[in-house]
Amino acid sequence: MVDKESQRGLMLIDAIFDKVCYSRNGREIMMVKRLREKAG
């Protein structure tokens, strides 16, 4: 089971990736990749 805090975190990540998918800014995409590397 996933607790509510983890679900919120996953929703936030989904929202960030939705934003990146629509963004044409390559720097933003690189920033998100770095954040994923740190978190993962």
C-alpha atoms as a PDB file:
ATOM      1  CA  MET A   1       0.000   0.000   0.000  1.00  0.00           C
ATOM      2  CA  VAL A   2       1.111   3.528  -0.794  1.00  0.00           C
ATOM      3  CA  ASP A   3       0.458   6.080   1.931  1.00  0.00           C
ATOM      4  CA  LYS A   4      -1.095   9.477   1.247  1.00  0.00           C
ATOM      5  CA  GLU A   5       2.196  11.363   1.453  1.00  0.00           C
ATOM      6  CA  SER A   6       3.770   9.093  -1.161  1.00  0.00           C
ATOM      7  CA  GLN A   7       0.728   9.521  -3.408  1.00  0.00           C
ATOM      8  CA  ARG A   8       1.086  13.309  -3.139  1.00  0.00           C
ATOM      9  CA  GLY A   9       4.732  13.021  -4.105  1.00  0.00           C
ATOM     10  CA  LEU A  10       3.905  10.878  -7.133  1.00  0.00           C
ATOM     11  CA  MET A  11       1.189  13.331  -8.209  1.00  0.00           C
ATOM     12  CA  LEU A  12       3.687  16.183  -7.908  1.00  0.00           C
ATOM     13  CA  ILE A  13       6.218  14.290 -10.041  1.00  0.00           C
ATOM     14  CA  ASP A  14       3.517  13.591 -12.653  1.00  0.00           C
ATOM     15  CA  ALA A  15       2.628  17.298 -12.711  1.00  0.00           C
ATOM     16  CA  ILE A  16       6.294  18.251 -13.181  1.00  0.00           C
ATOM     17  CA  PHE A  17       6.719  15.809 -16.065  1.00  0.00           C
ATOM     18  CA  ASP A  18       3.494  17.047 -17.698  1.00  0.00           C
ATOM     19  CA  LYS A  19       4.937  20.568 -17.500  1.00  0.00           C
ATOM     20  CA  VAL A  20       8.251  19.450 -19.002  1.00  0.00           C
ATOM     21  CA  CYS A  21       6.518  17.575 -21.825  1.00  0.00           C
ATOM     22  CA  TYR A  22       4.772  20.774 -22.879  1.00  0.00           C
ATOM     23  CA  SER A  23       7.834  22.939 -22.258  1.00  0.00           C
ATOM     24  CA  ARG A  24      10.255  23.715 -25.069  1.00  0.00           C
ATOM     25  CA  ASN A  25      12.911  24.777 -22.586  1.00  0.00           C
ATOM     26  CA  GLY A  26      15.743  22.229 -22.685  1.00  0.00           C
ATOM     27  CA  ARG A  27      17.279  23.579 -19.474  1.00  0.00           C
ATOM     28  CA  GLU A  28      14.115  22.795 -17.544  1.00  0.00           C
ATOM     29  CA  ILE A  29      14.230  19.208 -18.804  1.00  0.00           C
ATOM     30  CA  MET A  30      17.870  18.862 -17.749  1.00  0.00           C
ATOM     31  CA  MET A  31      17.018  20.293 -14.334  1.00  0.00           C
ATOM     32  CA  VAL A  32      14.288  17.691 -13.837  1.00  0.00           C
ATOM     33  CA  LYS A  33      16.659  14.905 -14.898  1.00  0.00           C
ATOM     34  CA  ARG A  34      19.163  16.081 -12.288  1.00  0.00           C
ATOM     35  CA  LEU A  35      16.444  16.184  -9.627  1.00  0.00           C
ATOM     36  CA  ARG A  36      15.432  12.620 -10.535  1.00  0.00           C
ATOM     37  CA  GLU A  37      19.054  11.462 -10.269  1.00  0.00           C
ATOM     38  CA  LYS A  38      19.378  13.029  -6.808  1.00  0.00           C
ATOM     39  CA  ALA A  39      16.054  11.563  -5.645  1.00  0.00           C
ATOM     40  CA  GLY A  40      16.595   8.161  -7.238  1.00  0.00           C
END
